Amino acid sequence: MGLTPVYIEYKLKSQIISIASISEGIMETTKWTGFTGWGFLPGIKSCSKTKETENGVGTIFSVQNLDGSTHKEEILEWDTKNKIVILMYDFSKPLASFADHFIETWEMQSIEGITHIKRYFYLYPKNILGKILLQIIAPFFKQSVKKHFRTMESSSLI
């Protein structure tokens, strides 16, 4: 049996971020630079679509981070009013040495003009050392997500 993933979760209630702006921001690759990282966790330098599908599912993005590392992201579930699931994979080194893939999920709900967002990640390690390293990275990842939400609320970046 494989190692259990490391779990990260962040919740937000916002009167500024709309459900539509989340899905639009994911598809608009120029907005990905709004994820600026935290501590030693790099932000995104650029993103491009390498495959686009009509319904979103199967769309693949190539991401280059500020530290030169790269990875791919693929949309697994695309319900733009409720839930979006993205697979992150094909990491370059050093992450490729200890992480197999990540699953990112956005759950969204609008209640009385307030957008309730739950964004969570499962970080899948390759080995026990990977599990330890991902547990060390997890708090930085969570702070990066928190910072990203603040950026989303203060600008048009997703």
Protein backbone atom coordinates (compact mmCIF):
# COMPACT_ATOMS: atom_id res chain seq x y z
CA MET A 1 0.00 0.00 0.00
CA GLY A 2 1.28 3.47 -0.91
CA LEU A 3 2.06 6.32 1.40
CA THR A 4 -0.79 8.56 2.45
CA PRO A 5 -0.70 12.03 0.90
CA VAL A 6 -0.02 15.22 2.80
CA TYR A 7 -3.20 17.31 3.07
CA ILE A 8 -3.46 21.11 2.92
CA GLU A 9 -6.69 23.09 3.20
CA TYR A 10 -7.60 26.75 3.16
CA LYS A 11 -11.09 28.26 3.38
CA LEU A 12 -12.19 31.76 2.50
CA LYS A 13 -15.42 33.75 2.49
CA SER A 14 -15.30 36.67 0.07
CA GLN A 15 -17.62 39.37 -1.16
CA ILE A 16 -15.05 40.27 -3.83
CA ILE A 17 -14.08 36.96 -5.46
CA SER A 18 -16.90 35.52 -7.56
CA ILE A 19 -17.28 31.89 -8.57
CA ALA A 20 -17.08 32.97 -12.23
CA SER A 21 -13.79 34.81 -11.64
CA ILE A 22 -12.18 31.61 -10.33
CA SER A 23 -12.89 29.52 -13.42
CA GLU A 24 -12.13 32.44 -15.76
CA GLY A 25 -8.82 33.02 -13.96
CA ILE A 26 -7.81 29.40 -14.29
CA MET A 27 -8.37 29.48 -18.05
CA GLU A 28 -6.64 32.87 -18.45
CA THR A 29 -3.01 31.82 -18.17
CA THR A 30 -1.65 35.37 -17.76
CA LYS A 31 -3.37 35.49 -14.37
CA TRP A 32 -1.42 32.52 -13.01
CA THR A 33 1.44 34.82 -12.02
CA GLY A 34 -0.80 35.93 -9.15
CA PHE A 35 0.46 32.82 -7.35
CA THR A 36 3.69 34.31 -5.98
CA GLY A 37 4.81 31.60 -3.57
CA TRP A 38 5.90 31.91 0.05
CA GLY A 39 9.31 31.50 1.64
CA PHE A 40 11.32 29.01 -0.39
CA LEU A 41 8.22 27.87 -2.31
CA PRO A 42 8.45 29.57 -5.73
CA GLY A 43 5.73 31.54 -7.43
CA ILE A 44 4.64 31.10 -11.03
CA LYS A 45 6.63 32.91 -13.71
CA SER A 46 4.55 31.86 -16.71
CA CYS A 47 1.90 29.44 -17.85
CA SER A 48 0.71 28.27 -21.26
CA LYS A 49 -1.93 25.86 -22.47
CA THR A 50 -0.51 22.82 -24.22
CA LYS A 51 -3.91 21.24 -24.79
CA GLU A 52 -7.33 22.87 -24.61
CA THR A 53 -10.67 21.10 -24.64
CA GLU A 54 -14.14 22.42 -25.27
CA ASN A 55 -15.55 21.46 -21.86
CA GLY A 56 -12.40 22.15 -19.81
CA VAL A 57 -11.77 18.57 -18.70
CA GLY A 58 -8.46 17.40 -20.14
CA THR A 59 -7.06 20.90 -20.65
CA ILE A 60 -3.32 20.82 -19.87
CA PHE A 61 -1.14 23.73 -18.74
CA SER A 62 2.66 23.94 -18.74
CA VAL A 63 3.92 25.99 -15.81
CA GLN A 64 7.32 27.59 -15.28
CA ASN A 65 8.10 28.78 -11.77
CA LEU A 66 10.23 31.73 -10.70
CA ASP A 67 13.06 29.39 -9.64
CA GLY A 68 13.17 27.77 -13.10
CA SER A 69 11.37 24.59 -12.07
CA THR A 70 8.46 23.32 -14.19
CA HIS A 71 5.40 21.12 -13.98
CA LYS A 72 2.14 20.38 -15.77
CA GLU A 73 -1.44 20.81 -14.61
CA GLU A 74 -4.46 19.02 -16.06
CA ILE A 75 -8.11 19.72 -15.35
CA LEU A 76 -9.78 16.52 -14.15
CA GLU A 77 -13.16 17.98 -13.16
CA TRP A 78 -14.65 21.23 -14.46
CA ASP A 79 -17.93 22.19 -12.81
CA THR A 80 -17.44 25.96 -12.91
CA LYS A 81 -20.30 26.63 -10.49
CA ASN A 82 -19.31 24.16 -7.79
CA LYS A 83 -16.04 22.25 -8.09
CA ILE A 84 -12.80 22.22 -10.07
CA VAL A 85 -10.18 19.49 -9.70
CA ILE A 86 -6.66 19.83 -11.10
CA LEU A 87 -3.85 17.26 -11.31
CA MET A 88 -0.30 18.63 -10.95
CA TYR A 89 2.41 16.31 -12.28
CA ASP A 90 5.59 15.97 -14.35
CA PHE A 91 7.57 17.99 -11.83
CA SER A 92 11.15 18.94 -12.61
CA LYS A 93 13.88 18.45 -10.01
CA PRO A 94 14.17 18.83 -7.13
CA LEU A 95 10.43 18.23 -6.54
CA ALA A 96 10.42 15.27 -8.96
CA SER A 97 12.82 13.45 -6.64
CA PHE A 98 10.30 13.14 -3.82
CA ALA A 99 6.79 14.07 -5.08
CA ASP A 100 4.74 12.00 -7.53
CA HIS A 101 1.77 14.32 -8.09
CA PHE A 102 -0.60 16.75 -6.37
CA ILE A 103 -4.38 17.02 -6.59
CA GLU A 104 -5.85 20.52 -6.14
CA THR A 105 -9.56 21.00 -5.56
CA TRP A 106 -11.61 24.20 -5.51
CA GLU A 107 -15.11 23.88 -3.99
CA MET A 108 -17.22 27.01 -4.35
CA GLN A 109 -20.63 28.10 -3.20
CA SER A 110 -22.37 31.47 -3.26
CA ILE A 111 -24.60 32.20 -0.27
CA GLU A 112 -26.33 35.58 0.04
CA GLY A 113 -23.72 37.41 -2.03
CA ILE A 114 -20.74 35.82 -0.30
CA THR A 115 -18.52 33.32 -2.13
CA HIS A 116 -17.49 30.43 0.11
CA ILE A 117 -14.31 28.83 -1.20
CA LYS A 118 -12.58 25.70 0.05
CA ARG A 119 -9.28 25.03 -1.71
CA TYR A 120 -7.41 21.92 -0.77
CA PHE A 121 -4.48 19.84 -1.94
CA TYR A 122 -3.33 16.26 -1.62
CA LEU A 123 0.45 16.04 -2.04
CA TYR A 124 1.50 12.49 -3.01
CA PRO A 125 5.05 11.51 -2.03
CA LYS A 126 7.22 9.01 -3.90
CA ASN A 127 8.81 7.59 -0.76
CA ILE A 128 9.10 8.09 3.01
CA LEU A 129 11.67 10.85 2.60
CA GLY A 130 9.24 12.53 0.21
CA LYS A 131 6.50 12.33 2.81
CA ILE A 132 8.75 14.03 5.37
CA LEU A 133 9.79 16.75 2.91
CA LEU A 134 6.19 17.38 1.80
CA GLN A 135 5.18 17.74 5.46
CA ILE A 136 7.90 20.40 5.80
CA ILE A 137 6.74 22.15 2.61
CA ALA A 138 3.01 22.00 3.52
CA PRO A 139 2.92 25.09 5.82
CA PHE A 140 4.69 27.15 3.14
CA PHE A 141 2.24 25.86 0.55
CA LYS A 142 -0.70 26.83 2.77
CA GLN A 143 0.74 30.34 3.26
CA SER A 144 1.18 30.60 -0.53
CA VAL A 145 -2.50 29.77 -1.02
CA LYS A 146 -3.52 32.30 1.66
CA LYS A 147 -1.36 34.94 -0.04
CA HIS A 148 -2.86 34.02 -3.42
CA PHE A 149 -6.38 34.59 -2.09
CA ARG A 150 -5.32 38.04 -0.81
CA THR A 151 -3.93 38.80 -4.27
CA MET A 152 -7.17 37.64 -5.86
CA GLU A 153 -9.19 39.93 -3.61
CA SER A 154 -6.98 42.98 -4.22
CA SER A 155 -6.66 42.66 -8.00
CA SER A 156 -7.98 40.90 -11.04
CA LEU A 157 -5.39 38.13 -10.78
CA ILE A 158 -6.38 34.52 -10.15
